[in-house]
Amino acid sequence: MPHIIVEYTDTLSSSEDIPKLAFALHENLAMQETVNVHAIKTRVIPVKYVVVGDSKEGDRMIHITLKLLPGRDDGLKKTMAQGLFDTARKITHDDRISISVEVAELHAESYVQ
């Protein structure tokens, strides 16, 4: 734990280095306070049908969900989210790709690993 889940428009596979993105996100999170690199689980999921905004920019998107156990303050969560966002933007080199990041807390009492 933590989990990084990347959903991305499947058409990006031909224009972006998705494995490089996954590794860079994993590394970025590993550098953050309170994170043990050996506990991070990163995965990417292509999404076939996507509509973004007014649908005029080719509907390309990357959405990153960071799932954490409770206990980190909002400032650290924001730092983690911004780091993942900046890393994704740097790897993609295309500001027409809609990138978003959310941080979600896992339910500690029911999370089993």
N, C-alpha and C. Protein backbone atom coordinates (compact mmCIF):
# COMPACT_ATOMS: atom_id res chain seq x y z
N MET A 1 0.86 -1.15 0.00
CA MET A 1 0.00 0.00 0.00
C MET A 1 0.91 1.22 0.00
N PRO A 2 0.78 2.28 -0.61
CA PRO A 2 -0.34 2.87 -1.35
C PRO A 2 -0.53 2.28 -2.77
N HIS A 3 -1.67 2.61 -3.37
CA HIS A 3 -1.99 2.17 -4.72
C HIS A 3 -2.04 3.39 -5.64
N ILE A 4 -1.43 3.25 -6.81
CA ILE A 4 -1.58 4.23 -7.89
C ILE A 4 -2.33 3.52 -9.00
N ILE A 5 -3.49 4.05 -9.36
CA ILE A 5 -4.28 3.47 -10.44
C ILE A 5 -4.40 4.53 -11.53
N VAL A 6 -3.92 4.19 -12.71
CA VAL A 6 -3.93 5.12 -13.84
C VAL A 6 -4.92 4.61 -14.87
N GLU A 7 -5.93 5.42 -15.16
CA GLU A 7 -6.84 5.14 -16.26
C GLU A 7 -6.46 6.10 -17.38
N TYR A 8 -6.36 5.56 -18.59
CA TYR A 8 -5.94 6.42 -19.70
C TYR A 8 -6.67 6.01 -20.98
N THR A 9 -6.89 6.97 -21.84
CA THR A 9 -7.50 6.71 -23.14
C THR A 9 -6.63 5.73 -23.91
N ASP A 10 -7.20 4.63 -24.35
CA ASP A 10 -6.39 3.58 -24.98
C ASP A 10 -5.66 4.04 -26.23
N THR A 11 -6.12 5.11 -26.87
CA THR A 11 -5.41 5.62 -28.05
C THR A 11 -4.06 6.25 -27.68
N LEU A 12 -3.85 6.56 -26.41
CA LEU A 12 -2.55 7.11 -25.99
C LEU A 12 -1.44 6.08 -26.08
N SER A 13 -1.79 4.81 -26.10
CA SER A 13 -0.78 3.75 -26.16
C SER A 13 0.12 3.89 -27.38
N SER A 14 -0.42 4.42 -28.45
CA SER A 14 0.38 4.56 -29.67
C SER A 14 1.22 5.83 -29.69
N SER A 15 0.86 6.82 -28.87
CA SER A 15 1.58 8.10 -28.92
C SER A 15 2.36 8.41 -27.65
N GLU A 16 2.08 7.73 -26.56
CA GLU A 16 2.74 8.01 -25.28
C GLU A 16 3.36 6.72 -24.74
N ASP A 17 4.40 6.86 -23.98
CA ASP A 17 5.08 5.71 -23.38
C ASP A 17 4.42 5.40 -22.04
N ILE A 18 3.38 4.60 -22.06
CA ILE A 18 2.60 4.30 -20.86
C ILE A 18 3.43 3.55 -19.81
N PRO A 19 4.24 2.55 -20.18
CA PRO A 19 5.08 1.91 -19.15
C PRO A 19 6.04 2.91 -18.48
N LYS A 20 6.60 3.83 -19.26
CA LYS A 20 7.47 4.86 -18.69
C LYS A 20 6.70 5.74 -17.72
N LEU A 21 5.46 6.09 -18.07
CA LEU A 21 4.61 6.89 -17.20
C LEU A 21 4.37 6.16 -15.88
N ALA A 22 4.01 4.89 -15.94
CA ALA A 22 3.75 4.12 -14.72
C ALA A 22 4.97 4.08 -13.82
N PHE A 23 6.14 3.83 -14.39
CA PHE A 23 7.36 3.77 -13.60
C PHE A 23 7.69 5.13 -12.99
N ALA A 24 7.52 6.21 -13.76
CA ALA A 24 7.83 7.56 -13.26
C ALA A 24 6.89 7.94 -12.12
N LEU A 25 5.60 7.60 -12.23
CA LEU A 25 4.66 7.88 -11.15
C LEU A 25 5.04 7.10 -9.89
N HIS A 26 5.40 5.84 -10.08
CA HIS A 26 5.82 4.98 -8.97
C HIS A 26 7.03 5.60 -8.25
N GLU A 27 8.02 6.01 -9.03
CA GLU A 27 9.22 6.63 -8.46
C GLU A 27 8.91 7.94 -7.75
N ASN A 28 8.05 8.76 -8.35
CA ASN A 28 7.71 10.04 -7.74
C ASN A 28 7.08 9.84 -6.38
N LEU A 29 6.13 8.93 -6.29
CA LEU A 29 5.47 8.68 -5.01
C LEU A 29 6.46 8.11 -3.99
N ALA A 30 7.38 7.29 -4.44
CA ALA A 30 8.36 6.69 -3.54
C ALA A 30 9.23 7.74 -2.86
N MET A 31 9.39 8.90 -3.48
CA MET A 31 10.21 9.96 -2.90
C MET A 31 9.46 10.80 -1.87
N GLN A 32 8.16 10.59 -1.74
CA GLN A 32 7.36 11.40 -0.83
C GLN A 32 7.50 10.94 0.62
N GLU A 33 7.31 11.88 1.50
CA GLU A 33 7.35 11.62 2.94
C GLU A 33 6.32 10.54 3.30
N THR A 34 6.69 9.64 4.17
CA THR A 34 5.86 8.55 4.74
C THR A 34 5.63 7.38 3.79
N VAL A 35 6.26 7.37 2.62
CA VAL A 35 6.00 6.31 1.65
C VAL A 35 7.19 5.36 1.57
N ASN A 36 6.89 4.07 1.64
CA ASN A 36 7.89 3.01 1.48
C ASN A 36 7.74 2.45 0.07
N VAL A 37 8.76 2.57 -0.76
CA VAL A 37 8.69 2.14 -2.15
C VAL A 37 8.26 0.68 -2.27
N HIS A 38 8.62 -0.15 -1.33
CA HIS A 38 8.29 -1.58 -1.40
C HIS A 38 6.81 -1.85 -1.18
N ALA A 39 6.08 -0.86 -0.71
CA ALA A 39 4.66 -1.04 -0.45
C ALA A 39 3.77 -0.50 -1.57
N ILE A 40 4.34 0.24 -2.52
CA ILE A 40 3.54 0.86 -3.58
C ILE A 40 3.13 -0.18 -4.61
N LYS A 41 1.88 -0.09 -5.03
CA LYS A 41 1.36 -0.92 -6.11
C LYS A 41 0.82 0.01 -7.19
N THR A 42 1.43 -0.05 -8.38
CA THR A 42 1.04 0.82 -9.48
C THR A 42 0.50 -0.02 -10.62
N ARG A 43 -0.62 0.41 -11.17
CA ARG A 43 -1.19 -0.30 -12.32
C ARG A 43 -1.86 0.71 -13.26
N VAL A 44 -1.91 0.31 -14.53
CA VAL A 44 -2.53 1.17 -15.55
C VAL A 44 -3.64 0.40 -16.26
N ILE A 45 -4.70 1.13 -16.56
CA ILE A 45 -5.88 0.51 -17.16
C ILE A 45 -6.29 1.34 -18.37
N PRO A 46 -6.23 0.77 -19.58
CA PRO A 46 -6.70 1.51 -20.74
C PRO A 46 -8.23 1.59 -20.74
N VAL A 47 -8.73 2.73 -21.19
CA VAL A 47 -10.17 2.96 -21.28
C VAL A 47 -10.50 3.18 -22.75
N LYS A 48 -11.42 2.40 -23.28
CA LYS A 48 -11.73 2.44 -24.71
C LYS A 48 -12.57 3.65 -25.11
N TYR A 49 -13.62 3.96 -24.37
CA TYR A 49 -14.53 5.03 -24.75
C TYR A 49 -14.45 6.16 -23.72
N VAL A 50 -14.08 7.35 -24.20
CA VAL A 50 -13.89 8.51 -23.33
C VAL A 50 -14.46 9.74 -24.01
N VAL A 51 -15.15 10.56 -23.25
CA VAL A 51 -15.58 11.88 -23.73
C VAL A 51 -15.05 12.89 -22.72
N VAL A 52 -14.29 13.86 -23.21
CA VAL A 52 -13.71 14.88 -22.34
C VAL A 52 -14.21 16.26 -22.80
N GLY A 53 -14.77 17.01 -21.87
CA GLY A 53 -15.19 18.39 -22.17
C GLY A 53 -16.10 18.48 -23.37
N ASP A 54 -15.73 19.37 -24.31
CA ASP A 54 -16.56 19.58 -25.50
C ASP A 54 -16.24 18.59 -26.61
N SER A 55 -15.36 17.65 -26.34
CA SER A 55 -15.04 16.56 -27.26
C SER A 55 -14.33 17.02 -28.53
N LYS A 56 -13.70 18.20 -28.53
CA LYS A 56 -13.05 18.70 -29.72
C LYS A 56 -11.53 18.46 -29.74
N GLU A 57 -10.97 17.98 -28.66
CA GLU A 57 -9.52 17.79 -28.59
C GLU A 57 -9.11 16.33 -28.69
N GLY A 58 -9.96 15.49 -29.26
CA GLY A 58 -9.59 14.11 -29.44
C GLY A 58 -9.86 13.23 -28.23
N ASP A 59 -10.44 13.79 -27.19
CA ASP A 59 -10.85 13.03 -26.01
C ASP A 59 -9.73 12.16 -25.44
N ARG A 60 -8.60 12.77 -25.22
CA ARG A 60 -7.46 12.06 -24.63
C ARG A 60 -7.34 12.47 -23.17
N MET A 61 -7.24 11.46 -22.31
CA MET A 61 -7.17 11.77 -20.88
C MET A 61 -6.34 10.75 -20.13
N ILE A 62 -5.84 11.21 -18.99
CA ILE A 62 -5.18 10.36 -18.00
C ILE A 62 -5.76 10.77 -16.65
N HIS A 63 -6.30 9.80 -15.94
CA HIS A 63 -6.79 10.06 -14.58
C HIS A 63 -6.02 9.16 -13.63
N ILE A 64 -5.45 9.76 -12.61
CA ILE A 64 -4.64 9.04 -11.63
C ILE A 64 -5.37 9.06 -10.29
N THR A 65 -5.60 7.89 -9.75
CA THR A 65 -6.17 7.77 -8.40
C THR A 65 -5.08 7.26 -7.49
N LEU A 66 -4.85 7.96 -6.41
CA LEU A 66 -3.91 7.54 -5.38
C LEU A 66 -4.72 7.11 -4.17
N LYS A 67 -4.61 5.85 -3.81
CA LYS A 67 -5.34 5.33 -2.65
C LYS A 67 -4.36 5.14 -1.50
N LEU A 68 -4.71 5.73 -0.36
CA LEU A 68 -3.86 5.71 0.83
C LEU A 68 -4.66 5.26 2.04
N LEU A 69 -3.97 4.67 3.00
CA LEU A 69 -4.59 4.44 4.29
C LEU A 69 -4.71 5.78 5.01
N PRO A 70 -5.66 5.94 5.91
CA PRO A 70 -5.84 7.21 6.62
C PRO A 70 -4.62 7.58 7.46
N GLY A 71 -4.50 8.87 7.74
CA GLY A 71 -3.46 9.32 8.66
C GLY A 71 -2.58 10.43 8.12
N ARG A 72 -2.55 10.61 6.82
CA ARG A 72 -1.73 11.68 6.25
C ARG A 72 -2.54 12.98 6.22
N ASP A 73 -1.87 14.09 6.51
CA ASP A 73 -2.59 15.36 6.51
C ASP A 73 -2.87 15.85 5.09
N ASP A 74 -3.78 16.79 4.97
CA ASP A 74 -4.21 17.28 3.67
C ASP A 74 -3.06 17.90 2.88
N GLY A 75 -2.14 18.56 3.56
CA GLY A 75 -1.01 19.18 2.88
C GLY A 75 -0.13 18.14 2.20
N LEU A 76 0.13 17.03 2.87
CA LEU A 76 0.94 15.97 2.29
C LEU A 76 0.20 15.31 1.13
N LYS A 77 -1.10 15.11 1.28
CA LYS A 77 -1.90 14.53 0.19
C LYS A 77 -1.85 15.44 -1.05
N LYS A 78 -1.96 16.74 -0.83
CA LYS A 78 -1.88 17.70 -1.94
C LYS A 78 -0.51 17.64 -2.61
N THR A 79 0.55 17.56 -1.81
CA THR A 79 1.91 17.45 -2.35
C THR A 79 2.06 16.19 -3.19
N MET A 80 1.52 15.08 -2.69
CA MET A 80 1.57 13.82 -3.44
C MET A 80 0.81 13.94 -4.75
N ALA A 81 -0.40 14.49 -4.71
CA ALA A 81 -1.22 14.63 -5.91
C ALA A 81 -0.53 15.54 -6.93
N GLN A 82 0.01 16.65 -6.46
CA GLN A 82 0.69 17.58 -7.37
C GLN A 82 1.91 16.93 -7.99
N GLY A 83 2.65 16.16 -7.21
CA GLY A 83 3.82 15.46 -7.74
C GLY A 83 3.45 14.47 -8.83
N LEU A 84 2.36 13.74 -8.64
CA LEU A 84 1.90 12.80 -9.66
C LEU A 84 1.43 13.53 -10.91
N PHE A 85 0.70 14.63 -10.71
CA PHE A 85 0.23 15.43 -11.84
C PHE A 85 1.41 15.97 -12.65
N ASP A 86 2.37 16.58 -11.96
CA ASP A 86 3.52 17.17 -12.65
C ASP A 86 4.33 16.10 -13.39
N THR A 87 4.46 14.94 -12.78
CA THR A 87 5.18 13.83 -13.43
C THR A 87 4.46 13.39 -14.70
N ALA A 88 3.15 13.24 -14.62
CA ALA A 88 2.38 12.83 -15.80
C ALA A 88 2.49 13.87 -16.91
N ARG A 89 2.40 15.13 -16.54
CA ARG A 89 2.50 16.20 -17.55
C ARG A 89 3.89 16.19 -18.19
N LYS A 90 4.92 15.97 -17.40
CA LYS A 90 6.28 15.96 -17.93
C LYS A 90 6.49 14.79 -18.89
N ILE A 91 5.97 13.64 -18.55
CA ILE A 91 6.15 12.45 -19.39
C ILE A 91 5.36 12.57 -20.69
N THR A 92 4.15 13.12 -20.64
CA THR A 92 3.30 13.17 -21.83
C THR A 92 3.69 14.26 -22.82
N HIS A 93 4.23 15.37 -22.36
CA HIS A 93 4.66 16.48 -23.23
C HIS A 93 3.53 17.08 -24.06
N ASP A 94 2.28 16.80 -23.75
CA ASP A 94 1.18 17.29 -24.58
C ASP A 94 0.10 17.87 -23.67
N ASP A 95 -0.02 19.19 -23.66
CA ASP A 95 -0.99 19.81 -22.75
C ASP A 95 -2.43 19.69 -23.24
N ARG A 96 -2.64 19.05 -24.39
CA ARG A 96 -4.01 18.78 -24.85
C ARG A 96 -4.58 17.51 -24.22
N ILE A 97 -3.73 16.74 -23.55
CA ILE A 97 -4.20 15.56 -22.82
C ILE A 97 -4.74 16.04 -21.48
N SER A 98 -5.98 15.73 -21.19
CA SER A 98 -6.58 16.10 -19.90
C SER A 98 -6.02 15.18 -18.82
N ILE A 99 -5.35 15.77 -17.84
CA ILE A 99 -4.76 14.99 -16.74
C ILE A 99 -5.42 15.43 -15.44
N SER A 100 -5.81 14.46 -14.64
CA SER A 100 -6.39 14.75 -13.33
C SER A 100 -5.87 13.73 -12.32
N VAL A 101 -5.87 14.15 -11.05
CA VAL A 101 -5.40 13.29 -9.96
C VAL A 101 -6.37 13.45 -8.80
N GLU A 102 -6.71 12.34 -8.18
CA GLU A 102 -7.49 12.39 -6.94
C GLU A 102 -6.82 11.50 -5.91
N VAL A 103 -6.96 11.89 -4.66
CA VAL A 103 -6.47 11.08 -3.54
C VAL A 103 -7.68 10.55 -2.80
N ALA A 104 -7.71 9.25 -2.60
CA ALA A 104 -8.82 8.61 -1.90
C ALA A 104 -8.26 7.81 -0.73
N GLU A 105 -8.99 7.82 0.37
CA GLU A 105 -8.56 7.04 1.53
C GLU A 105 -9.23 5.68 1.53
N LEU A 106 -8.43 4.68 1.78
CA LEU A 106 -8.94 3.32 1.96
C LEU A 106 -9.56 3.20 3.35
N HIS A 107 -10.45 2.27 3.50
CA HIS A 107 -11.06 2.00 4.80
C HIS A 107 -10.12 1.07 5.57
N ALA A 108 -9.40 1.62 6.52
CA ALA A 108 -8.35 0.89 7.23
C ALA A 108 -8.84 -0.38 7.89
N GLU A 109 -10.04 -0.34 8.43
CA GLU A 109 -10.56 -1.48 9.17
C GLU A 109 -10.87 -2.68 8.26
N SER A 110 -11.10 -2.43 6.97
CA SER A 110 -11.43 -3.54 6.08
C SER A 110 -10.36 -3.81 5.04
N TYR A 111 -9.29 -3.02 5.00
CA TYR A 111 -8.22 -3.24 4.03
C TYR A 111 -7.35 -4.39 4.51
N VAL A 112 -7.17 -5.38 3.65
CA VAL A 112 -6.37 -6.56 3.98
C VAL A 112 -5.32 -6.71 2.90
N GLN A 113 -4.09 -7.00 3.31
CA GLN A 113 -3.03 -7.26 2.32
C GLN A 113 -2.16 -8.41 2.75
